[in-house]
């Protein structure tokens, strides 16, 4: 058996274990359609549902693992059963978010700020 927060981190569904634990605490991760705590042990054939940006991604557990695996090995441990429509909806949401703001057009860097200050003085 493996803890849900460790498992979803080990199969690369989340970048860090603390982000995975936060998602579980915020009820964004369901196991067999039930809200769980971070200490919940999962087993083979459980269905894990993760909510991201209003889209539910579902995965079936094929094998358990405690250690983080390489991206090429993830398919040995889980299978993505998310409907194609939901995946396309998520991609559309992601592309719309990048449409509103160009990369690098956020806050000025420290150097940019100094240049602006020098210009105004």
PDB file of N, CA and C in Angstrom:
ATOM      1  N   UNK A   1       0.836  -1.183   0.000  1.00  0.00           N
ATOM      2  CA  UNK A   1       0.000   0.000   0.000  1.00  0.00           C
ATOM      3  C   UNK A   1       0.880   1.245   0.000  1.00  0.00           C
ATOM      4  N   UNK A   2       0.331   2.315  -0.567  1.00  0.00           N
ATOM      5  CA  UNK A   2       1.066   3.576  -0.645  1.00  0.00           C
ATOM      6  C   UNK A   2       0.117   4.717  -0.292  1.00  0.00           C
ATOM      7  N   UNK A   3       0.657   5.736   0.355  1.00  0.00           N
ATOM      8  CA  UNK A   3      -0.133   6.919   0.665  1.00  0.00           C
ATOM      9  C   UNK A   3      -0.481   7.645  -0.617  1.00  0.00           C
ATOM     10  N   UNK A   4      -1.660   8.253  -0.657  1.00  0.00           N
ATOM     11  CA  UNK A   4      -2.125   8.913  -1.876  1.00  0.00           C
ATOM     12  C   UNK A   4      -1.217  10.077  -2.259  1.00  0.00           C
ATOM     13  N   UNK A   5      -0.773  10.883  -1.302  1.00  0.00           N
ATOM     14  CA  UNK A   5       0.064  12.030  -1.656  1.00  0.00           C
ATOM     15  C   UNK A   5       1.407  11.580  -2.217  1.00  0.00           C
ATOM     16  N   UNK A   6       1.990  10.531  -1.639  1.00  0.00           N
ATOM     17  CA  UNK A   6       3.258  10.014  -2.152  1.00  0.00           C
ATOM     18  C   UNK A   6       3.082   9.381  -3.528  1.00  0.00           C
ATOM     19  N   UNK A   7       1.966   8.682  -3.703  1.00  0.00           N
ATOM     20  CA  UNK A   7       1.761   7.983  -4.967  1.00  0.00           C
ATOM     21  C   UNK A   7       1.577   8.951  -6.131  1.00  0.00           C
ATOM     22  N   UNK A   8       0.698   9.951  -5.971  1.00  0.00           N
ATOM     23  CA  UNK A   8       0.460  10.865  -7.091  1.00  0.00           C
ATOM     24  C   UNK A   8       1.700  11.705  -7.390  1.00  0.00           C
ATOM     25  N   UNK A   9       2.541  11.931  -6.400  1.00  0.00           N
ATOM     26  CA  UNK A   9       3.824  12.596  -6.645  1.00  0.00           C
ATOM     27  C   UNK A   9       4.777  11.646  -7.366  1.00  0.00           C
ATOM     28  N   UNK A  10       4.815  10.380  -6.953  1.00  0.00           N
ATOM     29  CA  UNK A  10       5.786   9.433  -7.524  1.00  0.00           C
ATOM     30  C   UNK A  10       5.505   9.117  -8.987  1.00  0.00           C
ATOM     31  N   UNK A  11       4.240   9.210  -9.410  1.00  0.00           N
ATOM     32  CA  UNK A  11       3.910   8.949 -10.817  1.00  0.00           C
ATOM     33  C   UNK A  11       3.789  10.246 -11.611  1.00  0.00           C
ATOM     34  N   UNK A  12       4.349  11.309 -11.076  1.00  0.00           N
ATOM     35  CA  UNK A  12       4.512  12.588 -11.773  1.00  0.00           C
ATOM     36  C   UNK A  12       3.207  13.290 -12.125  1.00  0.00           C
ATOM     37  N   UNK A  13       2.183  13.113 -11.309  1.00  0.00           N
ATOM     38  CA  UNK A  13       0.956  13.872 -11.523  1.00  0.00           C
ATOM     39  C   UNK A  13       1.077  15.259 -10.906  1.00  0.00           C
ATOM     40  N   UNK A  14       2.010  15.421  -9.959  1.00  0.00           N
ATOM     41  CA  UNK A  14       2.323  16.704  -9.354  1.00  0.00           C
ATOM     42  C   UNK A  14       3.829  16.871  -9.292  1.00  0.00           C
ATOM     43  N   UNK A  15       4.273  18.119  -9.362  1.00  0.00           N
ATOM     44  CA  UNK A  15       5.702  18.417  -9.433  1.00  0.00           C
ATOM     45  C   UNK A  15       6.415  18.146  -8.104  1.00  0.00           C
ATOM     46  N   UNK A  16       5.787  18.503  -6.996  1.00  0.00           N
ATOM     47  CA  UNK A  16       6.392  18.254  -5.688  1.00  0.00           C
ATOM     48  C   UNK A  16       5.395  17.535  -4.793  1.00  0.00           C
ATOM     49  N   UNK A  17       5.926  16.931  -3.749  1.00  0.00           N
ATOM     50  CA  UNK A  17       5.054  16.198  -2.830  1.00  0.00           C
ATOM     51  C   UNK A  17       4.198  17.155  -2.016  1.00  0.00           C
ATOM     52  N   UNK A  18       4.733  18.325  -1.703  1.00  0.00           N
ATOM     53  CA  UNK A  18       3.934  19.287  -0.934  1.00  0.00           C
ATOM     54  C   UNK A  18       2.766  19.815  -1.763  1.00  0.00           C
ATOM     55  N   UNK A  19       2.955  20.004  -3.062  1.00  0.00           N
ATOM     56  CA  UNK A  19       1.847  20.424  -3.927  1.00  0.00           C
ATOM     57  C   UNK A  19       0.793  19.317  -3.990  1.00  0.00           C
ATOM     58  N   UNK A  20       1.253  18.065  -4.056  1.00  0.00           N
ATOM     59  CA  UNK A  20       0.325  16.930  -4.070  1.00  0.00           C
ATOM     60  C   UNK A  20      -0.466  16.876  -2.767  1.00  0.00           C
ATOM     61  N   UNK A  21       0.204  17.072  -1.639  1.00  0.00           N
ATOM     62  CA  UNK A  21      -0.479  17.038  -0.342  1.00  0.00           C
ATOM     63  C   UNK A  21      -1.491  18.179  -0.227  1.00  0.00           C
ATOM     64  N   UNK A  22      -1.135  19.365  -0.726  1.00  0.00           N
ATOM     65  CA  UNK A  22      -2.062  20.498  -0.697  1.00  0.00           C
ATOM     66  C   UNK A  22      -3.301  20.212  -1.538  1.00  0.00           C
ATOM     67  N   UNK A  23      -3.113  19.592  -2.696  1.00  0.00           N
ATOM     68  CA  UNK A  23      -4.250  19.263  -3.555  1.00  0.00           C
ATOM     69  C   UNK A  23      -5.185  18.276  -2.860  1.00  0.00           C
ATOM     70  N   UNK A  24      -4.613  17.316  -2.148  1.00  0.00           N
ATOM     71  CA  UNK A  24      -5.441  16.350  -1.418  1.00  0.00           C
ATOM     72  C   UNK A  24      -6.191  17.055  -0.291  1.00  0.00           C
ATOM     73  N   UNK A  25      -5.513  17.943   0.428  1.00  0.00           N
ATOM     74  CA  UNK A  25      -6.159  18.667   1.529  1.00  0.00           C
ATOM     75  C   UNK A  25      -7.282  19.565   1.043  1.00  0.00           C
ATOM     76  N   UNK A  26      -7.138  20.100  -0.164  1.00  0.00           N
ATOM     77  CA  UNK A  26      -8.163  20.985  -0.729  1.00  0.00           C
ATOM     78  C   UNK A  26      -9.252  20.213  -1.475  1.00  0.00           C
ATOM     79  N   UNK A  27      -9.278  18.905  -1.297  1.00  0.00           N
ATOM     80  CA  UNK A  27     -10.284  18.016  -1.899  1.00  0.00           C
ATOM     81  C   UNK A  27     -10.290  18.063  -3.422  1.00  0.00           C
ATOM     82  N   UNK A  28      -9.125  18.242  -4.011  1.00  0.00           N
ATOM     83  CA  UNK A  28      -9.006  18.207  -5.472  1.00  0.00           C
ATOM     84  C   UNK A  28      -8.611  16.818  -5.959  1.00  0.00           C
ATOM     85  N   UNK A  29      -8.356  15.916  -5.021  1.00  0.00           N
ATOM     86  CA  UNK A  29      -7.994  14.542  -5.360  1.00  0.00           C
ATOM     87  C   UNK A  29      -9.019  13.611  -4.722  1.00  0.00           C
ATOM     88  N   UNK A  30      -9.608  12.757  -5.549  1.00  0.00           N
ATOM     89  CA  UNK A  30     -10.586  11.787  -5.076  1.00  0.00           C
ATOM     90  C   UNK A  30     -10.076  10.384  -5.374  1.00  0.00           C
ATOM     91  N   UNK A  31     -10.360   9.450  -4.486  1.00  0.00           N
ATOM     92  CA  UNK A  31     -10.040   8.046  -4.716  1.00  0.00           C
ATOM     93  C   UNK A  31     -11.356   7.285  -4.719  1.00  0.00           C
ATOM     94  N   UNK A  32     -11.653   6.645  -5.831  1.00  0.00           N
ATOM     95  CA  UNK A  32     -12.923   5.941  -6.015  1.00  0.00           C
ATOM     96  C   UNK A  32     -14.110   6.869  -5.718  1.00  0.00           C
ATOM     97  N   UNK A  33     -14.026   8.105  -6.213  1.00  0.00           N
ATOM     98  CA  UNK A  33     -15.073   9.129  -6.081  1.00  0.00           C
ATOM     99  C   UNK A  33     -15.362   9.524  -4.636  1.00  0.00           C
ATOM    100  N   UNK A  34     -14.372   9.392  -3.755  1.00  0.00           N
ATOM    101  CA  UNK A  34     -14.518   9.808  -2.363  1.00  0.00           C
ATOM    102  C   UNK A  34     -13.395  10.762  -2.007  1.00  0.00           C
ATOM    103  N   UNK A  35     -13.731  11.812  -1.249  1.00  0.00           N
ATOM    104  CA  UNK A  35     -12.706  12.722  -0.757  1.00  0.00           C
ATOM    105  C   UNK A  35     -11.857  11.977   0.272  1.00  0.00           C
ATOM    106  N   UNK A  36     -10.549  12.209   0.239  1.00  0.00           N
ATOM    107  CA  UNK A  36      -9.642  11.473   1.113  1.00  0.00           C
ATOM    108  C   UNK A  36      -8.690  12.421   1.820  1.00  0.00           C
ATOM    109  N   UNK A  37      -8.008  11.897   2.818  1.00  0.00           N
ATOM    110  CA  UNK A  37      -6.940  12.626   3.493  1.00  0.00           C
ATOM    111  C   UNK A  37      -5.605  12.190   2.897  1.00  0.00           C
ATOM    112  N   UNK A  38      -4.539  12.937   3.199  1.00  0.00           N
ATOM    113  CA  UNK A  38      -3.232  12.627   2.628  1.00  0.00           C
ATOM    114  C   UNK A  38      -2.710  11.270   3.067  1.00  0.00           C
ATOM    115  N   UNK A  39      -3.150  10.798   4.205  1.00  0.00           N
ATOM    116  CA  UNK A  39      -2.653   9.520   4.718  1.00  0.00           C
ATOM    117  C   UNK A  39      -3.405   8.315   4.156  1.00  0.00           C
ATOM    118  N   UNK A  40      -4.375   8.542   3.304  1.00  0.00           N
ATOM    119  CA  UNK A  40      -5.165   7.443   2.720  1.00  0.00           C
ATOM    120  C   UNK A  40      -4.257   6.524   1.905  1.00  0.00           C
ATOM    121  N   UNK A  41      -4.341   5.237   2.184  1.00  0.00           N
ATOM    122  CA  UNK A  41      -3.579   4.257   1.416  1.00  0.00           C
ATOM    123  C   UNK A  41      -4.375   3.844   0.190  1.00  0.00           C
ATOM    124  N   UNK A  42      -3.702   3.825  -0.945  1.00  0.00           N
ATOM    125  CA  UNK A  42      -4.342   3.384  -2.186  1.00  0.00           C
ATOM    126  C   UNK A  42      -3.858   1.988  -2.516  1.00  0.00           C
ATOM    127  N   UNK A  43      -4.626   1.320  -3.368  1.00  0.00           N
ATOM    128  CA  UNK A  43      -4.231  -0.029  -3.767  1.00  0.00           C
ATOM    129  C   UNK A  43      -4.443  -0.186  -5.267  1.00  0.00           C
ATOM    130  N   UNK A  44      -3.996  -1.288  -5.795  1.00  0.00           N
ATOM    131  CA  UNK A  44      -4.119  -1.562  -7.218  1.00  0.00           C
ATOM    132  C   UNK A  44      -5.601  -1.582  -7.595  1.00  0.00           C
ATOM    133  N   UNK A  45      -5.920  -1.061  -8.778  1.00  0.00           N
ATOM    134  CA  UNK A  45      -7.265  -0.959  -9.345  1.00  0.00           C
ATOM    135  C   UNK A  45      -8.100   0.174  -8.754  1.00  0.00           C
ATOM    136  N   UNK A  46      -7.542   0.992  -7.867  1.00  0.00           N
ATOM    137  CA  UNK A  46      -8.253   2.185  -7.412  1.00  0.00           C
ATOM    138  C   UNK A  46      -8.282   3.198  -8.549  1.00  0.00           C
ATOM    139  N   UNK A  47      -9.311   4.027  -8.563  1.00  0.00           N
ATOM    140  CA  UNK A  47      -9.423   5.092  -9.560  1.00  0.00           C
ATOM    141  C   UNK A  47      -9.177   6.423  -8.857  1.00  0.00           C
ATOM    142  N   UNK A  48      -8.169   7.156  -9.335  1.00  0.00           N
ATOM    143  CA  UNK A  48      -7.803   8.444  -8.762  1.00  0.00           C
ATOM    144  C   UNK A  48      -8.310   9.534  -9.699  1.00  0.00           C
ATOM    145  N   UNK A  49      -9.048  10.493  -9.141  1.00  0.00           N
ATOM    146  CA  UNK A  49      -9.560  11.617  -9.909  1.00  0.00           C
ATOM    147  C   UNK A  49      -8.907  12.887  -9.393  1.00  0.00           C
ATOM    148  N   UNK A  50      -8.358  13.690 -10.316  1.00  0.00           N
ATOM    149  CA  UNK A  50      -7.693  14.940  -9.954  1.00  0.00           C
ATOM    150  C   UNK A  50      -8.393  16.075 -10.685  1.00  0.00           C
ATOM    151  N   UNK A  51      -8.797  17.096  -9.929  1.00  0.00           N
ATOM    152  CA  UNK A  51      -9.469  18.258 -10.508  1.00  0.00           C
ATOM    153  C   UNK A  51      -8.443  19.358 -10.758  1.00  0.00           C
ATOM    154  N   UNK A  52      -8.327  19.776 -12.034  1.00  0.00           N
ATOM    155  CA  UNK A  52      -7.436  20.877 -12.401  1.00  0.00           C
ATOM    156  C   UNK A  52      -8.185  21.814 -13.322  1.00  0.00           C
ATOM    157  N   UNK A  53      -8.262  23.078 -12.964  1.00  0.00           N
ATOM    158  CA  UNK A  53      -8.905  24.115 -13.784  1.00  0.00           C
ATOM    159  C   UNK A  53     -10.309  23.727 -14.229  1.00  0.00           C
ATOM    160  N   UNK A  54     -11.069  23.100 -13.346  1.00  0.00           N
ATOM    161  CA  UNK A  54     -12.431  22.736 -13.669  1.00  0.00           C
ATOM    162  C   UNK A  54     -12.580  21.466 -14.487  1.00  0.00           C
ATOM    163  N   UNK A  55     -11.482  20.776 -14.752  1.00  0.00           N
ATOM    164  CA  UNK A  55     -11.509  19.541 -15.533  1.00  0.00           C
ATOM    165  C   UNK A  55     -11.099  18.390 -14.618  1.00  0.00           C
ATOM    166  N   UNK A  56     -11.790  17.258 -14.727  1.00  0.00           N
ATOM    167  CA  UNK A  56     -11.469  16.087 -13.906  1.00  0.00           C
ATOM    168  C   UNK A  56     -10.652  15.096 -14.733  1.00  0.00           C
ATOM    169  N   UNK A  57      -9.431  14.824 -14.262  1.00  0.00           N
ATOM    170  CA  UNK A  57      -8.569  13.818 -14.880  1.00  0.00           C
ATOM    171  C   UNK A  57      -8.686  12.539 -14.067  1.00  0.00           C
ATOM    172  N   UNK A  58      -8.884  11.409 -14.726  1.00  0.00           N
ATOM    173  CA  UNK A  58      -9.017  10.144 -14.012  1.00  0.00           C
ATOM    174  C   UNK A  58      -7.907   9.187 -14.419  1.00  0.00           C
ATOM    175  N   UNK A  59      -7.406   8.461 -13.441  1.00  0.00           N
ATOM    176  CA  UNK A  59      -6.317   7.512 -13.644  1.00  0.00           C
ATOM    177  C   UNK A  59      -6.638   6.233 -12.887  1.00  0.00           C
ATOM    178  N   UNK A  60      -6.317   5.105 -13.487  1.00  0.00           N
ATOM    179  CA  UNK A  60      -6.484   3.820 -12.823  1.00  0.00           C
ATOM    180  C   UNK A  60      -5.103   3.334 -12.413  1.00  0.00           C
ATOM    181  N   UNK A  61      -4.984   2.868 -11.175  1.00  0.00           N
ATOM    182  CA  UNK A  61      -3.700   2.407 -10.652  1.00  0.00           C
ATOM    183  C   UNK A  61      -3.457   0.971 -11.102  1.00  0.00           C
ATOM    184  N   UNK A  62      -2.328   0.768 -11.776  1.00  0.00           N
ATOM    185  CA  UNK A  62      -1.951  -0.572 -12.233  1.00  0.00           C
ATOM    186  C   UNK A  62      -0.981  -1.249 -11.271  1.00  0.00           C
ATOM    187  N   UNK A  63      -0.106  -0.440 -10.693  1.00  0.00           N
ATOM    188  CA  UNK A  63       0.927  -0.966  -9.798  1.00  0.00           C
ATOM    189  C   UNK A  63       1.307   0.150  -8.832  1.00  0.00           C
ATOM    190  N   UNK A  64       1.724  -0.212  -7.623  1.00  0.00           N
ATOM    191  CA  UNK A  64       2.091   0.779  -6.613  1.00  0.00           C
ATOM    192  C   UNK A  64       3.587   1.023  -6.603  1.00  0.00           C
ATOM    193  N   UNK A  65       3.940   2.246  -6.180  1.00  0.00           N
ATOM    194  CA  UNK A  65       5.341   2.625  -6.097  1.00  0.00           C
ATOM    195  C   UNK A  65       5.487   3.726  -5.067  1.00  0.00           C
ATOM    196  N   UNK A  66       6.561   3.689  -4.296  1.00  0.00           N
ATOM    197  CA  UNK A  66       6.836   4.716  -3.288  1.00  0.00           C
ATOM    198  C   UNK A  66       7.823   5.745  -3.807  1.00  0.00           C
ATOM    199  N   UNK A  67       8.757   5.321  -4.667  1.00  0.00           N
ATOM    200  CA  UNK A  67       9.798   6.223  -5.156  1.00  0.00           C
ATOM    201  C   UNK A  67       9.356   6.864  -6.461  1.00  0.00           C
ATOM    202  N   UNK A  68       9.813   8.084  -6.695  1.00  0.00           N
ATOM    203  CA  UNK A  68       9.478   8.809  -7.922  1.00  0.00           C
ATOM    204  C   UNK A  68      10.101   8.105  -9.121  1.00  0.00           C
ATOM    205  N   UNK A  69       9.318   7.942 -10.177  1.00  0.00           N
ATOM    206  CA  UNK A  69       9.785   7.214 -11.350  1.00  0.00           C
ATOM    207  C   UNK A  69      10.028   8.184 -12.499  1.00  0.00           C
ATOM    208  N   UNK A  70      10.811   7.741 -13.464  1.00  0.00           N
ATOM    209  CA  UNK A  70      11.057   8.531 -14.656  1.00  0.00           C
ATOM    210  C   UNK A  70       9.803   8.638 -15.498  1.00  0.00           C
ATOM    211  N   UNK A  71       9.754   9.663 -16.331  1.00  0.00           N
ATOM    212  CA  UNK A  71       8.558   9.917 -17.139  1.00  0.00           C
ATOM    213  C   UNK A  71       8.230   8.738 -18.060  1.00  0.00           C
ATOM    214  N   UNK A  72       9.240   8.045 -18.534  1.00  0.00           N
ATOM    215  CA  UNK A  72       9.000   6.920 -19.444  1.00  0.00           C
ATOM    216  C   UNK A  72       8.386   5.716 -18.730  1.00  0.00           C
ATOM    217  N   UNK A  73       8.539   5.630 -17.417  1.00  0.00           N
ATOM    218  CA  UNK A  73       8.056   4.479 -16.656  1.00  0.00           C
ATOM    219  C   UNK A  73       6.661   4.683 -16.054  1.00  0.00           C
ATOM    220  N   UNK A  74       6.109   5.870 -16.179  1.00  0.00           N
ATOM    221  CA  UNK A  74       4.816   6.173 -15.560  1.00  0.00           C
ATOM    222  C   UNK A  74       3.717   5.247 -16.065  1.00  0.00           C
ATOM    223  N   UNK A  75       3.763   4.875 -17.348  1.00  0.00           N
ATOM    224  CA  UNK A  75       2.719   4.027 -17.929  1.00  0.00           C
ATOM    225  C   UNK A  75       2.639   2.646 -17.288  1.00  0.00           C
ATOM    226  N   UNK A  76       3.676   2.227 -16.581  1.00  0.00           N
ATOM    227  CA  UNK A  76       3.648   0.939 -15.885  1.00  0.00           C
ATOM    228  C   UNK A  76       2.815   1.006 -14.610  1.00  0.00           C
ATOM    229  N   UNK A  77       2.619   2.215 -14.076  1.00  0.00           N
ATOM    230  CA  UNK A  77       1.974   2.365 -12.787  1.00  0.00           C
ATOM    231  C   UNK A  77       0.543   2.885 -12.865  1.00  0.00           C
ATOM    232  N   UNK A  78       0.235   3.716 -13.872  1.00  0.00           N
ATOM    233  CA  UNK A  78      -1.119   4.251 -14.016  1.00  0.00           C
ATOM    234  C   UNK A  78      -1.522   4.256 -15.484  1.00  0.00           C
ATOM    235  N   UNK A  79      -2.821   4.279 -15.704  1.00  0.00           N
ATOM    236  CA  UNK A  79      -3.348   4.452 -17.061  1.00  0.00           C
ATOM    237  C   UNK A  79      -4.350   5.608 -17.006  1.00  0.00           C
ATOM    238  N   UNK A  80      -4.209   6.531 -17.956  1.00  0.00           N
ATOM    239  CA  UNK A  80      -5.064   7.702 -18.013  1.00  0.00           C
ATOM    240  C   UNK A  80      -6.397   7.314 -18.652  1.00  0.00           C
ATOM    241  N   UNK A  81      -7.492   7.449 -17.907  1.00  0.00           N
ATOM    242  CA  UNK A  81      -8.814   7.106 -18.421  1.00  0.00           C
ATOM    243  C   UNK A  81      -9.684   8.345 -18.599  1.00  0.00           C
ATOM    244  N   UNK A  82      -9.058   9.503 -18.695  1.00  0.00           N
ATOM    245  CA  UNK A  82      -9.771  10.758 -18.881  1.00  0.00           C
ATOM    246  C   UNK A  82     -10.376  10.810 -20.278  1.00  0.00           C
ATOM    247  N   UNK A  83     -11.649  11.196 -20.403  1.00  0.00           N
ATOM    248  CA  UNK A  83     -12.246  11.322 -21.738  1.00  0.00           C
ATOM    249  C   UNK A  83     -11.504  12.364 -22.579  1.00  0.00           C
ATOM    250  N   UNK A  84     -11.444  12.140 -23.875  1.00  0.00           N
ATOM    251  CA  UNK A  84     -10.715  13.023 -24.788  1.00  0.00           C
ATOM    252  C   UNK A  84     -11.299  14.433 -24.762  1.00  0.00           C
ATOM    253  N   UNK A  85     -12.612  14.550 -24.611  1.00  0.00           N
ATOM    254  CA  UNK A  85     -13.237  15.873 -24.578  1.00  0.00           C
ATOM    255  C   UNK A  85     -12.701  16.704 -23.416  1.00  0.00           C
ATOM    256  N   UNK A  86     -12.501  16.063 -22.257  1.00  0.00           N
ATOM    257  CA  UNK A  86     -11.992  16.784 -21.091  1.00  0.00           C
ATOM    258  C   UNK A  86     -10.545  17.216 -21.304  1.00  0.00           C
ATOM    259  N   UNK A  87      -9.749  16.386 -21.940  1.00  0.00           N
ATOM    260  CA  UNK A  87      -8.359  16.745 -22.218  1.00  0.00           C
ATOM    261  C   UNK A  87      -8.303  17.935 -23.171  1.00  0.00           C
ATOM    262  N   UNK A  88      -9.147  17.918 -24.196  1.00  0.00           N
ATOM    263  CA  UNK A  88      -9.185  19.034 -25.140  1.00  0.00           C
ATOM    264  C   UNK A  88      -9.685  20.306 -24.463  1.00  0.00           C
ATOM    265  N   UNK A  89     -10.637  20.180 -23.550  1.00  0.00           N
ATOM    266  CA  UNK A  89     -11.137  21.339 -22.804  1.00  0.00           C
ATOM    267  C   UNK A  89     -10.020  21.940 -21.961  1.00  0.00           C
ATOM    268  N   UNK A  90      -9.201  21.102 -21.314  1.00  0.00           N
ATOM    269  CA  UNK A  90      -8.092  21.575 -20.495  1.00  0.00           C
ATOM    270  C   UNK A  90      -7.046  22.285 -21.360  1.00  0.00           C
ATOM    271  N   UNK A  91      -6.743  21.713 -22.530  1.00  0.00           N
ATOM    272  CA  UNK A  91      -5.777  22.350 -23.438  1.00  0.00           C
ATOM    273  C   UNK A  91      -6.273  23.712 -23.898  1.00  0.00           C
ATOM    274  N   UNK A  92      -7.578  23.822 -24.155  1.00  0.00           N
ATOM    275  CA  UNK A  92      -8.157  25.097 -24.569  1.00  0.00           C
ATOM    276  C   UNK A  92      -8.053  26.131 -23.450  1.00  0.00           C
ATOM    277  N   UNK A  93      -8.310  25.703 -22.223  1.00  0.00           N
ATOM    278  CA  UNK A  93      -8.201  26.608 -21.074  1.00  0.00           C
ATOM    279  C   UNK A  93      -6.764  27.096 -20.942  1.00  0.00           C
ATOM    280  N   UNK A  94      -5.796  26.190 -21.082  1.00  0.00           N
ATOM    281  CA  UNK A  94      -4.386  26.559 -20.979  1.00  0.00           C
ATOM    282  C   UNK A  94      -3.986  27.544 -22.075  1.00  0.00           C
ATOM    283  N   UNK A  95      -4.442  27.295 -23.307  1.00  0.00           N
ATOM    284  CA  UNK A  95      -4.078  28.193 -24.407  1.00  0.00           C
ATOM    285  C   UNK A  95      -4.735  29.562 -24.240  1.00  0.00           C
ATOM    286  N   UNK A  96      -5.954  29.607 -23.707  1.00  0.00           N
ATOM    287  CA  UNK A  96      -6.617  30.887 -23.481  1.00  0.00           C
ATOM    288  C   UNK A  96      -5.906  31.703 -22.411  1.00  0.00           C
ATOM    289  N   UNK A  97      -5.360  31.047 -21.402  1.00  0.00           N
ATOM    290  CA  UNK A  97      -4.643  31.773 -20.360  1.00  0.00           C
ATOM    291  C   UNK A  97      -3.372  32.404 -20.912  1.00  0.00           C
ATOM    292  N   UNK A  98      -2.682  31.704 -21.799  1.00  0.00           N
ATOM    293  CA  UNK A  98      -1.457  32.268 -22.366  1.00  0.00           C
ATOM    294  C   UNK A  98      -1.776  33.330 -23.414  1.00  0.00           C
ATOM    295  N   UNK A  99      -2.995  33.354 -23.941  1.00  0.00           N
ATOM    296  CA  UNK A  99      -3.395  34.330 -24.941  1.00  0.00           C
ATOM    297  C   UNK A  99      -3.487  35.730 -24.341  1.00  0.00           C
ATOM    298  N   UNK A 100      -3.953  35.841 -23.106  1.00  0.00           N
ATOM    299  CA  UNK A 100      -4.173  37.144 -22.485  1.00  0.00           C
ATOM    300  C   UNK A 100      -2.871  37.869 -22.139  1.00  0.00           C
ATOM    301  N   UNK A 101      -1.814  37.140 -21.855  1.00  0.00           N
ATOM    302  CA  UNK A 101      -0.569  37.785 -21.443  1.00  0.00           C
ATOM    303  C   UNK A 101       0.596  37.076 -22.112  1.00  0.00           C
ATOM    304  N   UNK A 102       1.418  37.851 -22.788  1.00  0.00           N
ATOM    305  CA  UNK A 102       2.583  37.275 -23.446  1.00  0.00           C
ATOM    306  C   UNK A 102       3.623  36.867 -22.406  1.00  0.00           C
ATOM    307  N   UNK A 103       4.432  35.898 -22.774  1.00  0.00           N
ATOM    308  CA  UNK A 103       5.494  35.426 -21.899  1.00  0.00           C
ATOM    309  C   UNK A 103       6.470  36.568 -21.619  1.00  0.00           C
ATOM    310  N   UNK A 104       6.762  36.812 -20.354  1.00  0.00           N
ATOM    311  CA  UNK A 104       7.733  37.836 -19.989  1.00  0.00           C
ATOM    312  C   UNK A 104       7.163  39.233 -19.911  1.00  0.00           C
ATOM    313  N   UNK A 105       5.860  39.398 -20.058  1.00  0.00           N
ATOM    314  CA  UNK A 105       5.290  40.744 -20.028  1.00  0.00           C
ATOM    315  C   UNK A 105       4.693  41.069 -18.661  1.00  0.00           C
ATOM    316  N   UNK A 106       5.117  40.376 -17.648  1.00  0.00           N
ATOM    317  CA  UNK A 106       4.603  40.606 -16.301  1.00  0.00           C
ATOM    318  C   UNK A 106       5.337  41.738 -15.620  1.00  0.00           C
ATOM    319  N   UNK A 107       5.651  41.567 -14.369  1.00  0.00           N
ATOM    320  CA  UNK A 107       6.350  42.594 -13.610  1.00  0.00           C
ATOM    321  C   UNK A 107       7.732  42.822 -14.192  1.00  0.00           C
ATOM    322  N   UNK A 108       8.230  44.064 -14.106  1.00  0.00           N
ATOM    323  CA  UNK A 108       9.584  44.309 -14.605  1.00  0.00           C
ATOM    324  C   UNK A 108      10.623  43.678 -13.688  1.00  0.00           C
ATOM    325  N   UNK A 109      11.734  43.298 -14.279  1.00  0.00           N
ATOM    326  CA  UNK A 109      12.822  42.751 -13.477  1.00  0.00           C
ATOM    327  C   UNK A 109      13.500  43.883 -12.713  1.00  0.00           C
ATOM    328  N   UNK A 110      14.404  43.520 -11.850  1.00  0.00           N
ATOM    329  CA  UNK A 110      15.107  44.527 -11.072  1.00  0.00           C
ATOM    330  C   UNK A 110      15.877  45.484 -11.986  1.00  0.00           C
ATOM    331  N   UNK A 111      16.529  44.919 -13.008  1.00  0.00           N
ATOM    332  CA  UNK A 111      17.280  45.742 -13.956  1.00  0.00           C
ATOM    333  C   UNK A 111      16.338  46.672 -14.716  1.00  0.00           C
ATOM    334  N   UNK A 112      15.194  46.140 -15.182  1.00  0.00           N
ATOM    335  CA  UNK A 112      14.219  46.982 -15.880  1.00  0.00           C
ATOM    336  C   UNK A 112      13.728  48.111 -14.980  1.00  0.00           C
ATOM    337  N   UNK A 113      13.498  47.811 -13.736  1.00  0.00           N
ATOM    338  CA  UNK A 113      13.019  48.814 -12.786  1.00  0.00           C
ATOM    339  C   UNK A 113      14.046  49.922 -12.604  1.00  0.00           C
ATOM    340  N   UNK A 114      15.321  49.544 -12.496  1.00  0.00           N
ATOM    341  CA  UNK A 114      16.385  50.548 -12.359  1.00  0.00           C
ATOM    342  C   UNK A 114      16.464  51.418 -13.608  1.00  0.00           C
ATOM    343  N   UNK A 115      16.335  50.808 -14.775  1.00  0.00           N
ATOM    344  CA  UNK A 115      16.358  51.577 -16.029  1.00  0.00           C
ATOM    345  C   UNK A 115      15.191  52.564 -16.093  1.00  0.00           C
ATOM    346  N   UNK A 116      14.035  52.147 -15.653  1.00  0.00           N
ATOM    347  CA  UNK A 116      12.872  53.025 -15.630  1.00  0.00           C
ATOM    348  C   UNK A 116      13.110  54.185 -14.673  1.00  0.00           C
ATOM    349  N   UNK A 117      13.635  53.872 -13.490  1.00  0.00           N
ATOM    350  CA  UNK A 117      13.928  54.926 -12.498  1.00  0.00           C
ATOM    351  C   UNK A 117      14.949  55.906 -13.035  1.00  0.00           C
ATOM    352  N   UNK A 118      15.993  55.394 -13.694  1.00  0.00           N
ATOM    353  CA  UNK A 118      17.021  56.279 -14.267  1.00  0.00           C
ATOM    354  C   UNK A 118      16.422  57.179 -15.348  1.00  0.00           C
ATOM    355  N   UNK A 119      15.500  56.629 -16.129  1.00  0.00           N
ATOM    356  CA  UNK A 119      14.861  57.402 -17.184  1.00  0.00           C
ATOM    357  C   UNK A 119      14.064  58.569 -16.605  1.00  0.00           C
ATOM    358  N   UNK A 120      13.328  58.318 -15.525  1.00  0.00           N
ATOM    359  CA  UNK A 120      12.493  59.352 -14.942  1.00  0.00           C
ATOM    360  C   UNK A 120      13.288  60.389 -14.160  1.00  0.00           C
ATOM    361  N   UNK A 121      14.505  60.068 -13.764  1.00  0.00           N
ATOM    362  CA  UNK A 121      15.329  61.042 -13.031  1.00  0.00           C
ATOM    363  C   UNK A 121      16.106  61.856 -13.964  1.00  0.00           C
TER     364      UNK A 121
END
